[in-house]
């Protein structure tokens, strides 16, 4: 087999593998994208911690803990407000009609 044919076969196998992986992961693509985004945002913190003398594992654990605590701190006020105003929230939800119709241009979404 010539070098050019081998390149084409390998490129075809790579394309088939990419298509198969995309098809298999399509249901979790949003989660994968979110995970990649979080990793990209936390990478500078992890690198900074490694530069300060921590091992890569410890730096990853500390970065993950910082991200978890930040997410928790952000959601606590929302959960507290929803808990304190739960009667108002339940009354509002009971007043909603069974269906809501949205009209956007010529389209109607019930």
C-alpha atoms as a PDB file:
ATOM      1  CA  UNK A   1       0.000   0.000   0.000  1.00  0.00           C
ATOM      2  CA  UNK A   2       1.412   3.363  -0.959  1.00  0.00           C
ATOM      3  CA  UNK A   3       1.889   6.199   1.473  1.00  0.00           C
ATOM      4  CA  UNK A   4      -0.865   8.265  -0.160  1.00  0.00           C
ATOM      5  CA  UNK A   5      -3.410   5.431   0.061  1.00  0.00           C
ATOM      6  CA  UNK A   6      -2.495   4.864   3.681  1.00  0.00           C
ATOM      7  CA  UNK A   7      -3.068   8.557   4.424  1.00  0.00           C
ATOM      8  CA  UNK A   8      -6.503   8.425   2.791  1.00  0.00           C
ATOM      9  CA  UNK A   9      -7.479   5.275   4.688  1.00  0.00           C
ATOM     10  CA  UNK A  10      -6.356   6.764   8.011  1.00  0.00           C
ATOM     11  CA  UNK A  11      -8.184  10.030   7.257  1.00  0.00           C
ATOM     12  CA  UNK A  12     -11.333   8.060   6.438  1.00  0.00           C
ATOM     13  CA  UNK A  13     -11.051   6.044   9.644  1.00  0.00           C
ATOM     14  CA  UNK A  14     -10.554   9.244  11.633  1.00  0.00           C
ATOM     15  CA  UNK A  15     -13.609  10.848  10.014  1.00  0.00           C
ATOM     16  CA  UNK A  16     -15.696   7.738  10.705  1.00  0.00           C
ATOM     17  CA  UNK A  17     -14.532   7.676  14.318  1.00  0.00           C
ATOM     18  CA  UNK A  18     -15.389  11.365  14.756  1.00  0.00           C
ATOM     19  CA  UNK A  19     -18.855  10.840  13.269  1.00  0.00           C
ATOM     20  CA  UNK A  20     -19.477   7.780  15.448  1.00  0.00           C
ATOM     21  CA  UNK A  21     -18.327   9.619  18.596  1.00  0.00           C
ATOM     22  CA  UNK A  22     -20.529  12.601  17.724  1.00  0.00           C
ATOM     23  CA  UNK A  23     -23.534  10.337  17.222  1.00  0.00           C
ATOM     24  CA  UNK A  24     -22.893   8.437  20.470  1.00  0.00           C
ATOM     25  CA  UNK A  25     -22.283  11.580  22.529  1.00  0.00           C
ATOM     26  CA  UNK A  26     -25.033  13.742  21.017  1.00  0.00           C
ATOM     27  CA  UNK A  27     -27.320  13.244  24.018  1.00  0.00           C
ATOM     28  CA  UNK A  28     -24.659  14.479  26.450  1.00  0.00           C
ATOM     29  CA  UNK A  29     -23.061  17.115  24.215  1.00  0.00           C
ATOM     30  CA  UNK A  30     -24.305  20.016  26.366  1.00  0.00           C
ATOM     31  CA  UNK A  31     -22.830  18.425  29.488  1.00  0.00           C
ATOM     32  CA  UNK A  32     -19.521  17.777  27.735  1.00  0.00           C
ATOM     33  CA  UNK A  33     -19.412  21.372  26.493  1.00  0.00           C
ATOM     34  CA  UNK A  34     -20.142  22.660  30.014  1.00  0.00           C
ATOM     35  CA  UNK A  35     -17.425  20.435  31.504  1.00  0.00           C
ATOM     36  CA  UNK A  36     -14.881  21.646  28.959  1.00  0.00           C
ATOM     37  CA  UNK A  37     -15.845  25.256  29.708  1.00  0.00           C
ATOM     38  CA  UNK A  38     -15.421  24.743  33.466  1.00  0.00           C
ATOM     39  CA  UNK A  39     -12.067  23.041  32.940  1.00  0.00           C
ATOM     40  CA  UNK A  40     -10.927  25.902  30.687  1.00  0.00           C
ATOM     41  CA  UNK A  41     -11.920  28.480  33.312  1.00  0.00           C
ATOM     42  CA  UNK A  42     -10.250  26.588  36.173  1.00  0.00           C
ATOM     43  CA  UNK A  43      -7.017  25.814  34.315  1.00  0.00           C
ATOM     44  CA  UNK A  44      -5.281  29.115  35.253  1.00  0.00           C
ATOM     45  CA  UNK A  45      -6.069  28.534  38.940  1.00  0.00           C
ATOM     46  CA  UNK A  46      -4.708  25.002  38.755  1.00  0.00           C
ATOM     47  CA  UNK A  47      -1.566  26.187  36.965  1.00  0.00           C
ATOM     48  CA  UNK A  48      -1.082  28.927  39.561  1.00  0.00           C
ATOM     49  CA  UNK A  49      -1.350  26.385  42.367  1.00  0.00           C
ATOM     50  CA  UNK A  50       1.150  24.066  40.669  1.00  0.00           C
ATOM     51  CA  UNK A  51       3.538  27.013  40.270  1.00  0.00           C
ATOM     52  CA  UNK A  52       3.217  27.612  44.017  1.00  0.00           C
ATOM     53  CA  UNK A  53       4.482  24.096  44.773  1.00  0.00           C
ATOM     54  CA  UNK A  54       1.383  21.895  44.956  1.00  0.00           C
ATOM     55  CA  UNK A  55       1.274  18.647  43.023  1.00  0.00           C
ATOM     56  CA  UNK A  56      -1.000  18.450  39.989  1.00  0.00           C
ATOM     57  CA  UNK A  57      -3.477  16.210  41.821  1.00  0.00           C
ATOM     58  CA  UNK A  58      -3.700  18.461  44.852  1.00  0.00           C
ATOM     59  CA  UNK A  59      -4.018  21.529  42.619  1.00  0.00           C
ATOM     60  CA  UNK A  60      -6.856  19.840  40.701  1.00  0.00           C
ATOM     61  CA  UNK A  61      -8.602  18.925  43.958  1.00  0.00           C
ATOM     62  CA  UNK A  62      -8.247  22.458  45.321  1.00  0.00           C
ATOM     63  CA  UNK A  63      -9.502  23.960  42.032  1.00  0.00           C
ATOM     64  CA  UNK A  64     -12.508  21.629  42.045  1.00  0.00           C
ATOM     65  CA  UNK A  65     -13.276  22.490  45.668  1.00  0.00           C
ATOM     66  CA  UNK A  66     -13.038  26.220  44.931  1.00  0.00           C
ATOM     67  CA  UNK A  67     -15.403  25.830  41.955  1.00  0.00           C
ATOM     68  CA  UNK A  68     -17.889  23.815  44.022  1.00  0.00           C
ATOM     69  CA  UNK A  69     -17.851  26.320  46.864  1.00  0.00           C
ATOM     70  CA  UNK A  70     -18.248  29.242  44.446  1.00  0.00           C
ATOM     71  CA  UNK A  71     -21.252  27.566  42.837  1.00  0.00           C
ATOM     72  CA  UNK A  72     -22.744  26.843  46.241  1.00  0.00           C
ATOM     73  CA  UNK A  73     -22.233  30.417  47.440  1.00  0.00           C
ATOM     74  CA  UNK A  74     -23.925  31.720  44.299  1.00  0.00           C
ATOM     75  CA  UNK A  75     -26.987  29.467  44.658  1.00  0.00           C
ATOM     76  CA  UNK A  76     -27.543  29.876  48.415  1.00  0.00           C
ATOM     77  CA  UNK A  77     -29.225  33.321  48.161  1.00  0.00           C
ATOM     78  CA  UNK A  78     -31.596  32.112  45.424  1.00  0.00           C
ATOM     79  CA  UNK A  79     -32.577  29.015  47.407  1.00  0.00           C
ATOM     80  CA  UNK A  80     -33.031  31.118  50.563  1.00  0.00           C
ATOM     81  CA  UNK A  81     -35.316  33.598  48.794  1.00  0.00           C
ATOM     82  CA  UNK A  82     -37.369  30.794  47.247  1.00  0.00           C
ATOM     83  CA  UNK A  83     -37.711  29.136  50.653  1.00  0.00           C
ATOM     84  CA  UNK A  84     -38.713  32.329  52.455  1.00  0.00           C
ATOM     85  CA  UNK A  85     -41.218  33.293  49.726  1.00  0.00           C
ATOM     86  CA  UNK A  86     -42.486  29.759  49.056  1.00  0.00           C
ATOM     87  CA  UNK A  87     -46.134  30.615  49.824  1.00  0.00           C
ATOM     88  CA  UNK A  88     -46.078  33.442  47.279  1.00  0.00           C
ATOM     89  CA  UNK A  89     -44.395  31.135  44.772  1.00  0.00           C
ATOM     90  CA  UNK A  90     -47.009  28.399  45.246  1.00  0.00           C
ATOM     91  CA  UNK A  91     -49.852  30.931  44.954  1.00  0.00           C
ATOM     92  CA  UNK A  92     -48.340  32.271  41.737  1.00  0.00           C
ATOM     93  CA  UNK A  93     -47.944  28.781  40.293  1.00  0.00           C
ATOM     94  CA  UNK A  94     -51.575  27.929  41.132  1.00  0.00           C
ATOM     95  CA  UNK A  95     -52.782  31.044  39.303  1.00  0.00           C
ATOM     96  CA  UNK A  96     -51.077  30.067  36.051  1.00  0.00           C
ATOM     97  CA  UNK A  97     -53.426  28.775  33.351  1.00  0.00           C
ATOM     98  CA  UNK A  98     -53.074  25.132  32.227  1.00  0.00           C
ATOM     99  CA  UNK A  99     -51.612  26.242  28.877  1.00  0.00           C
ATOM    100  CA  UNK A 100     -49.825  29.390  27.831  1.00  0.00           C
ATOM    101  CA  UNK A 101     -49.799  30.423  24.169  1.00  0.00           C
ATOM    102  CA  UNK A 102     -46.761  32.213  22.792  1.00  0.00           C
ATOM    103  CA  UNK A 103     -47.085  34.074  19.501  1.00  0.00           C
ATOM    104  CA  UNK A 104     -43.856  34.882  17.722  1.00  0.00           C
ATOM    105  CA  UNK A 105     -44.382  36.287  14.265  1.00  0.00           C
ATOM    106  CA  UNK A 106     -46.590  33.865  12.402  1.00  0.00           C
ATOM    107  CA  UNK A 107     -45.828  30.977  14.737  1.00  0.00           C
ATOM    108  CA  UNK A 108     -47.994  29.967  17.683  1.00  0.00           C
ATOM    109  CA  UNK A 109     -46.621  27.772  20.439  1.00  0.00           C
ATOM    110  CA  UNK A 110     -49.146  26.446  23.000  1.00  0.00           C
END
